[in-house]
Amino acid sequence: MYNIILQCLTKNLEGFAKNISDTLATKKDASDLAIGVKKGTDEMGRNIMTMLMETMDKVIRNEPGRSDRY
């Protein structure tokens, strides 16, 4: 689980840095920066949940004795 979160954070930090530099370069205000950060964190949350669900699905599917119970 930590690897999933770390992987998503690493990928999204580049986007956050780009968002901040674009905001400063174009002289936008703080609300534009906040909107960009919110979009980034929302996407990161979706990616983490997707990867987590896929991992749990694999673990459950490959569980020994699972097919005997169903």
Foldseek 3Di string as FASTA:
>chain_A
DVVLLVVLCVVLVVVLVVLVVVCVVVVHDVVSNVVSVVVSVVVSVVSSVVVVVVVVVVCLVPPPPNVVVD
